[in-house]
Amino acid sequence: MKTTFLRIPFLLALCVLFSCSERRPIGRKADARYIEDSSEKGLVNIGKINSQDFTRAANKLLQDLFVKGALTKAPDQPAILHVGEVRNDTQTYFDTDLLLQAIKRDLLASNRVRISTTDGFGKPTDQYAKEVRASV
């Protein structure tokens, strides 16, 4: 009986001690972290494509365009890039518009490209696209 009375305060003290300590995730949540797009570390899906694969491919495309000078070789400067409708023909959903917007943003920031966009065949999305087509 004496040992039971001694154990209860001891257990309560342990509970108070551990409940006041810093909380840290346990298990798989402890491994969760953000990874930069340019990093070679990341989620890998074998046999399945995901949005990270397309983001990496887009970043590689932009890097090649800038490094190899393809944009500076265009007959008109800045180069005119026509962007049409992009359709996701995979079984995995990801936002193709978000990916295209990121590519366009980086190209426009380089001041080496003017972008002409269309929304499907023959449907300009904005007045700028009409003006670019008229000047070509």
C-alpha atoms as a PDB file:
ATOM      1  CA  MET A   1       0.000   0.000   0.000  1.00  0.00           C
ATOM      2  CA  LYS A   2       2.875   2.323   0.823  1.00  0.00           C
ATOM      3  CA  THR A   3       4.482   1.713  -2.555  1.00  0.00           C
ATOM      4  CA  THR A   4       1.239   2.566  -4.338  1.00  0.00           C
ATOM      5  CA  PHE A   5       1.081   5.908  -2.528  1.00  0.00           C
ATOM      6  CA  LEU A   6       4.692   6.583  -3.498  1.00  0.00           C
ATOM      7  CA  ARG A   7       4.153   5.642  -7.139  1.00  0.00           C
ATOM      8  CA  ILE A   8       1.164   7.932  -7.690  1.00  0.00           C
ATOM      9  CA  PRO A   9       3.002  11.215  -6.887  1.00  0.00           C
ATOM     10  CA  PHE A  10       5.987   9.978  -8.879  1.00  0.00           C
ATOM     11  CA  LEU A  11       3.799   9.241 -11.932  1.00  0.00           C
ATOM     12  CA  LEU A  12       2.021  12.581 -11.596  1.00  0.00           C
ATOM     13  CA  ALA A  13       5.368  14.364 -11.435  1.00  0.00           C
ATOM     14  CA  LEU A  14       6.493  12.556 -14.602  1.00  0.00           C
ATOM     15  CA  CYS A  15       3.267  13.495 -16.395  1.00  0.00           C
ATOM     16  CA  VAL A  16       3.682  17.159 -15.469  1.00  0.00           C
ATOM     17  CA  LEU A  17       7.355  17.119 -16.445  1.00  0.00           C
ATOM     18  CA  PHE A  18       6.783  15.601 -19.894  1.00  0.00           C
ATOM     19  CA  SER A  19       3.622  17.566 -20.650  1.00  0.00           C
ATOM     20  CA  CYS A  20       5.526  20.844 -20.199  1.00  0.00           C
ATOM     21  CA  SER A  21       8.362  19.917 -22.542  1.00  0.00           C
ATOM     22  CA  GLU A  22       8.582  21.014 -26.170  1.00  0.00           C
ATOM     23  CA  ARG A  23       6.194  19.148 -28.433  1.00  0.00           C
ATOM     24  CA  ARG A  24       7.734  17.413 -31.393  1.00  0.00           C
ATOM     25  CA  PRO A  25       6.021  15.316 -34.031  1.00  0.00           C
ATOM     26  CA  ILE A  26       6.533  11.613 -33.737  1.00  0.00           C
ATOM     27  CA  GLY A  27       6.834   9.135 -36.570  1.00  0.00           C
ATOM     28  CA  ARG A  28       6.267  10.103 -40.198  1.00  0.00           C
ATOM     29  CA  LYS A  29       5.292  13.680 -39.359  1.00  0.00           C
ATOM     30  CA  ALA A  30       8.784  14.228 -37.982  1.00  0.00           C
ATOM     31  CA  ASP A  31      10.183  13.596 -41.483  1.00  0.00           C
ATOM     32  CA  ALA A  32       7.948  16.125 -43.281  1.00  0.00           C
ATOM     33  CA  ARG A  33       9.750  19.168 -44.670  1.00  0.00           C
ATOM     34  CA  TYR A  34       9.661  21.552 -47.627  1.00  0.00           C
ATOM     35  CA  ILE A  35      12.094  20.899 -50.448  1.00  0.00           C
ATOM     36  CA  GLU A  36      13.252  23.476 -52.977  1.00  0.00           C
ATOM     37  CA  ASP A  37      12.297  22.898 -56.618  1.00  0.00           C
ATOM     38  CA  SER A  38      15.905  22.979 -57.758  1.00  0.00           C
ATOM     39  CA  SER A  39      16.915  20.322 -55.253  1.00  0.00           C
ATOM     40  CA  GLU A  40      17.498  16.769 -56.413  1.00  0.00           C
ATOM     41  CA  LYS A  41      15.872  15.542 -53.208  1.00  0.00           C
ATOM     42  CA  GLY A  42      12.141  15.106 -53.221  1.00  0.00           C
ATOM     43  CA  LEU A  43       9.234  12.774 -53.502  1.00  0.00           C
ATOM     44  CA  VAL A  44       9.708  10.007 -56.009  1.00  0.00           C
ATOM     45  CA  ASN A  45       6.824   8.126 -57.553  1.00  0.00           C
ATOM     46  CA  ILE A  46       7.871   5.073 -59.476  1.00  0.00           C
ATOM     47  CA  GLY A  47       5.701   4.462 -62.502  1.00  0.00           C
ATOM     48  CA  LYS A  48       3.655   7.615 -61.932  1.00  0.00           C
ATOM     49  CA  ILE A  49       4.211  11.196 -63.011  1.00  0.00           C
ATOM     50  CA  ASN A  50       3.518  14.117 -60.702  1.00  0.00           C
ATOM     51  CA  SER A  51       3.615  17.906 -60.811  1.00  0.00           C
ATOM     52  CA  GLN A  52       7.176  17.997 -59.448  1.00  0.00           C
ATOM     53  CA  ASP A  53       8.332  16.131 -62.544  1.00  0.00           C
ATOM     54  CA  PHE A  54       6.799  18.792 -64.788  1.00  0.00           C
ATOM     55  CA  THR A  55       8.178  21.613 -62.648  1.00  0.00           C
ATOM     56  CA  ARG A  56      11.677  20.177 -62.915  1.00  0.00           C
ATOM     57  CA  ALA A  57      11.283  19.714 -66.671  1.00  0.00           C
ATOM     58  CA  ALA A  58      10.082  23.322 -67.025  1.00  0.00           C
ATOM     59  CA  ASN A  59      13.012  24.621 -64.979  1.00  0.00           C
ATOM     60  CA  LYS A  60      15.422  22.613 -67.128  1.00  0.00           C
ATOM     61  CA  LEU A  61      13.784  23.981 -70.288  1.00  0.00           C
ATOM     62  CA  LEU A  62      14.177  27.568 -69.074  1.00  0.00           C
ATOM     63  CA  GLN A  63      17.767  26.963 -68.046  1.00  0.00           C
ATOM     64  CA  ASP A  64      18.565  25.550 -71.499  1.00  0.00           C
ATOM     65  CA  LEU A  65      16.866  28.477 -73.246  1.00  0.00           C
ATOM     66  CA  PHE A  66      18.898  31.000 -71.272  1.00  0.00           C
ATOM     67  CA  VAL A  67      22.260  29.201 -71.239  1.00  0.00           C
ATOM     68  CA  LYS A  68      22.351  28.000 -74.853  1.00  0.00           C
ATOM     69  CA  GLY A  69      21.301  31.367 -76.260  1.00  0.00           C
ATOM     70  CA  ALA A  70      18.286  30.122 -78.210  1.00  0.00           C
ATOM     71  CA  LEU A  71      16.398  33.309 -77.419  1.00  0.00           C
ATOM     72  CA  THR A  72      19.191  35.601 -78.613  1.00  0.00           C
ATOM     73  CA  LYS A  73      19.296  33.803 -81.982  1.00  0.00           C
ATOM     74  CA  ALA A  74      15.694  34.728 -82.815  1.00  0.00           C
ATOM     75  CA  PRO A  75      15.333  37.039 -85.854  1.00  0.00           C
ATOM     76  CA  ASP A  76      13.319  39.590 -83.852  1.00  0.00           C
ATOM     77  CA  GLN A  77      14.423  40.831 -80.451  1.00  0.00           C
ATOM     78  CA  PRO A  78      12.953  40.273 -77.994  1.00  0.00           C
ATOM     79  CA  ALA A  79      11.896  36.865 -79.266  1.00  0.00           C
ATOM     80  CA  ILE A  80       8.175  36.212 -79.675  1.00  0.00           C
ATOM     81  CA  LEU A  81       6.887  33.069 -78.033  1.00  0.00           C
ATOM     82  CA  HIS A  82       3.411  31.824 -78.888  1.00  0.00           C
ATOM     83  CA  VAL A  83       1.784  29.837 -76.099  1.00  0.00           C
ATOM     84  CA  GLY A  84      -1.351  27.884 -76.888  1.00  0.00           C
ATOM     85  CA  GLU A  85      -3.630  25.617 -74.948  1.00  0.00           C
ATOM     86  CA  VAL A  86      -1.880  22.982 -72.841  1.00  0.00           C
ATOM     87  CA  ARG A  87      -3.830  19.860 -72.048  1.00  0.00           C
ATOM     88  CA  ASN A  88      -2.955  17.394 -69.314  1.00  0.00           C
ATOM     89  CA  ASP A  89      -3.219  14.005 -71.005  1.00  0.00           C
ATOM     90  CA  THR A  90      -2.021  11.992 -68.015  1.00  0.00           C
ATOM     91  CA  GLN A  91      -3.979  10.147 -65.373  1.00  0.00           C
ATOM     92  CA  THR A  92      -2.624  12.458 -62.678  1.00  0.00           C
ATOM     93  CA  TYR A  93      -4.269  15.817 -62.047  1.00  0.00           C
ATOM     94  CA  PHE A  94      -2.096  18.885 -61.776  1.00  0.00           C
ATOM     95  CA  ASP A  95      -2.693  22.503 -62.680  1.00  0.00           C
ATOM     96  CA  THR A  96      -1.149  23.085 -66.120  1.00  0.00           C
ATOM     97  CA  ASP A  97      -2.131  26.756 -65.997  1.00  0.00           C
ATOM     98  CA  LEU A  98      -0.112  27.263 -62.825  1.00  0.00           C
ATOM     99  CA  LEU A  99       2.913  25.632 -64.457  1.00  0.00           C
ATOM    100  CA  LEU A 100       2.548  27.788 -67.588  1.00  0.00           C
ATOM    101  CA  GLN A 101       2.185  30.955 -65.538  1.00  0.00           C
ATOM    102  CA  ALA A 102       5.462  30.183 -63.759  1.00  0.00           C
ATOM    103  CA  ILE A 103       7.239  29.599 -67.080  1.00  0.00           C
ATOM    104  CA  LYS A 104       5.820  32.808 -68.559  1.00  0.00           C
ATOM    105  CA  ARG A 105       6.762  34.797 -65.454  1.00  0.00           C
ATOM    106  CA  ASP A 106      10.392  33.657 -65.646  1.00  0.00           C
ATOM    107  CA  LEU A 107      10.597  34.301 -69.391  1.00  0.00           C
ATOM    108  CA  LEU A 108       9.117  37.786 -69.093  1.00  0.00           C
ATOM    109  CA  ALA A 109      11.432  38.609 -66.189  1.00  0.00           C
ATOM    110  CA  SER A 110      14.417  37.883 -68.443  1.00  0.00           C
ATOM    111  CA  ASN A 111      13.314  40.661 -70.860  1.00  0.00           C
ATOM    112  CA  ARG A 112      14.311  38.397 -73.753  1.00  0.00           C
ATOM    113  CA  VAL A 113      10.802  37.290 -74.727  1.00  0.00           C
ATOM    114  CA  ARG A 114       7.429  38.715 -75.656  1.00  0.00           C
ATOM    115  CA  ILE A 115       4.632  36.223 -75.148  1.00  0.00           C
ATOM    116  CA  SER A 116       1.596  35.774 -77.353  1.00  0.00           C
ATOM    117  CA  THR A 117      -1.119  33.617 -75.835  1.00  0.00           C
ATOM    118  CA  THR A 118      -4.160  31.928 -77.294  1.00  0.00           C
ATOM    119  CA  ASP A 119      -6.996  30.061 -75.683  1.00  0.00           C
ATOM    120  CA  GLY A 120      -7.665  27.337 -78.186  1.00  0.00           C
ATOM    121  CA  PHE A 121      -7.486  27.642 -81.957  1.00  0.00           C
ATOM    122  CA  GLY A 122      -8.048  31.193 -83.165  1.00  0.00           C
ATOM    123  CA  LYS A 123      -9.237  32.598 -79.822  1.00  0.00           C
ATOM    124  CA  PRO A 124      -6.951  35.319 -78.480  1.00  0.00           C
ATOM    125  CA  THR A 125      -7.119  35.727 -74.729  1.00  0.00           C
ATOM    126  CA  ASP A 126      -6.080  39.338 -74.649  1.00  0.00           C
ATOM    127  CA  GLN A 127      -5.504  42.426 -76.787  1.00  0.00           C
ATOM    128  CA  TYR A 128      -1.721  42.057 -76.495  1.00  0.00           C
ATOM    129  CA  ALA A 129      -1.853  38.716 -78.350  1.00  0.00           C
ATOM    130  CA  LYS A 130      -3.721  40.370 -81.242  1.00  0.00           C
ATOM    131  CA  GLU A 131      -1.167  43.193 -81.413  1.00  0.00           C
ATOM    132  CA  VAL A 132       1.790  40.808 -81.456  1.00  0.00           C
ATOM    133  CA  ARG A 133       0.220  38.740 -84.230  1.00  0.00           C
ATOM    134  CA  ALA A 134      -0.522  41.869 -86.252  1.00  0.00           C
ATOM    135  CA  SER A 135       3.086  43.066 -85.995  1.00  0.00           C
ATOM    136  CA  VAL A 136       4.553  39.751 -87.197  1.00  0.00           C
END
